[in-house]
Structures are given as structure tokens and as C-alpha cells.
């Protein structure tokens, strides 16, 4: 049994392999599978975590003492010792399935599938582990895969094959986590990092190309708008016709190499992109616009988004004056309202006191999007000239809406709108809800 250790010379690999080869747990380095290149074979037996942990302690101490003594005799430098130490430590780290069991290898197993990871099944994950990885339970991930209508089998341009359900889990875990791809690779058990990156972007492209429209047009909610306005007017709000709350948000990105001045804002003091969202009292983003350069004002985004025209058309169709409530950055008009400023009388003070607490809903939704899908908040890897950052945030808003439809949020709890939410299938596939 040979185990290759990273070092400068092939002779050193053969020499140091004699200390690592006798270990009874010959897993691949860093807990990943090597596709059968090592002498280890298929996963056929399991041990309890406690037994393996006790065995690892004895092996680690003995192996480190042997390697340390040999390194002192050979006069190796600190760099060579660091490489050997990292490789041996990684060799003794078993990829755990959960807190009670781990997978190990059987040397005696033979067959064409030797050294391959077990085939993917949804049963590999518990509900708690799936919630930690994807923000959804196992049953909900299956339902989301069916609602998104992903292909049963996906192949990347490098001919890597993934099932649709497995690709959904990879996509959700990447959006959920701000960790590096290496740590995500370890959580997803045995996939290569380049393959994970390629299948992730394939799923992002599929969702954006097929479902981007679900958050870009308020007109598909026309059956709900009048009811939402009446509920909000009954909550001690003195303005009628308010269907939601509008605001812009700036998302930070990495500093670009070219055209840096277009993505920098002296007010925020960072580079980034800007988006606009209209949030209903059910906690859903019902009209989303962006990205635009971070230099643009909220009022400019409102004019470019065409939301005023859509609100005007809906008002005439429903014979009910609809409006959105925002901050003072927006100019007060027929279909957009905001609080009063300057010298306030008793009526204006009462108006601001009642309406401004409701406006915080849109800020809460932006916070939930970043909290649940942390990848879009990792600005150091969001490079506008290398990846579609605007597409990522757009997809994150769609995921936030899907999660709200199933689990709700604090905005839904505030207005008790649990019975007024469509299903995933209706939300993703019906033009008018």
C-alpha cells in the first residue's frame, strides 16, 4: 500500500510512505475520494465515532513520533516537516456522515467500483443536517426540486454528470454558505471542487433564465393588491391604497480592475451595485429592479424601473388608487408616498408616527435575504468582471420568496397573513396569481 506525500522529490515520497502505509484507515487526503487511485477501496463497513476516535489518537501519537525522529536524522527543513504533518493529519481525519457514524474503507474489497464514493441518495442527509446546509428540510428540498423543474440529469461542459436533486442541494448549500469551496466540498462528500463550481453556475443560469420574471412585475399580484391595501389601512395607518414599501439597497462587491469609477460611491465608501425592491405586507418582494450602478439615486431607479407606469395601469384596471410607501428620497406623487418633513403640525406628526414603523418591513426583508443566503454578502469573491453578481442577487431574492412562502418571516407574523400565500408551483409557473 502506497500513500503519496507532498514533497519535492520522489525518493522522499517512497521513504515517508513506509510510516503512513501501515495505518489501517487509508482514506484519501483531506477526507476526499480519489476515484480509486489509492489502494483503498469501496466503503463497505462502519464504525462508531468513539472507537475510531480512540484508534486515531494512538495512531497519531505513534506516527508523529516516528516522522519527527526521521526528520531530525535527515535534517529536513521546516517546510518539508509542515507538508508531512499536514498530510498525515488529513489522512487521519475521517469524513463523518453524522455525529454517530463514519464511513471507512475495506482493503479486501474488489471490483470495478473500488475507491468510488457511495451513490448519491437523499437519505444520506437528516432533516437537521439538510436545514444546516440548505435552509430547507429533506422533504422540502425534494419539493423545491420538483417545483423548479430541473432536468433529471445535468451535465457540465466537462461532461460531469449530476442528478437534478443533487445539483439542487449543491446550489442551495453554496448560496447558503459563505465558506470556501473546499469546505463545501467536504460537506457534500466526495465531489471535486471544479465540478461543484460548474454545476452551481449551471443551476444559477437555469433558474435566472426561467424564473427571473416572477419578481419583476407587480401586475401578477393584482388579485391580492386591494386586500393588502385594506388590511394595511386598518392597522392604524392613515393612508389608503398602500400595497407595499419601496426602498433601494446597495450590495458591496470587489473593487474592479477596469471602470472602477462606475462602481464606487463616496456616500457608501465602497464599490458595488444597487437594486430596488417593493415589499408587500406578506413579506414577499413583488417588484424587483436591478442591478444599476451604485452612483444612481433611489428616485432615478424608480423612474427607470417603470414601476410608476405599472401601478397606474393597475389602478385604472382595479378602479382603486394604488401606491407604494418609501422614504423621503422619493418624490411624493400619485403612486408613491413618504413621510412629511420640515415643520410638522399634529396631523402630519400623527401620519409619520403611524406609517414609518411599517416602512421598516422592506429593510427587514433585505436583511433576511443576506442572512439566509450568505454567499451574496461575501463581497470579496463577488467580482463584477468575472461573475454575474447581479444575477446572483436576483436569484437570492427568488430563494428568499420561496422560503417565505413555506416558512414565513417576521413581516408575515406581524400582519397574520399565513393564509394568503400561494404554493411554490403557483408562484413559479402562473403568470397571474
Foldseek 3Di string as FASTA:
>chain_A
DADAFDDDDPVVRVVLRVLVVVDPFQADFQQAFPQQPDLFWEFDDKDWPVVLVVVLVVSVVVSLVVVVVVCVVVVDDPVVVVRVNRRSVRRSDFLQLDNTMTTTTDSPDDDPRIRPYDDDDLVSDQQVLLCVQQVGGSVVLVVVLVLLVDDQWDAFPVRDIDGSSLLSSLLRRQQQDQDDLSVSPSSSHHDDSVVSVRSNVVVLVSCCVQFLVLQAALQLALVCQQVLQVLLCVQLAVDGQAFFAKDKDWFAADQAPPPRVQQADPVVGGGTWMKMFTAGLQLAGRRIDDTGHPHDFPQVRVVVSCPVVSQVVSCVVVVHQHAHEYDPSHDDDSRYYYQDDDDDDPVSVSNCVSPVVRNCSVVVSVVVLCNRRVNLNSRHPRHVVPDPSVSSSSVSSVVSNQSCLPPNDPSCVVSVCNVVHDHSNCSRPPSHD
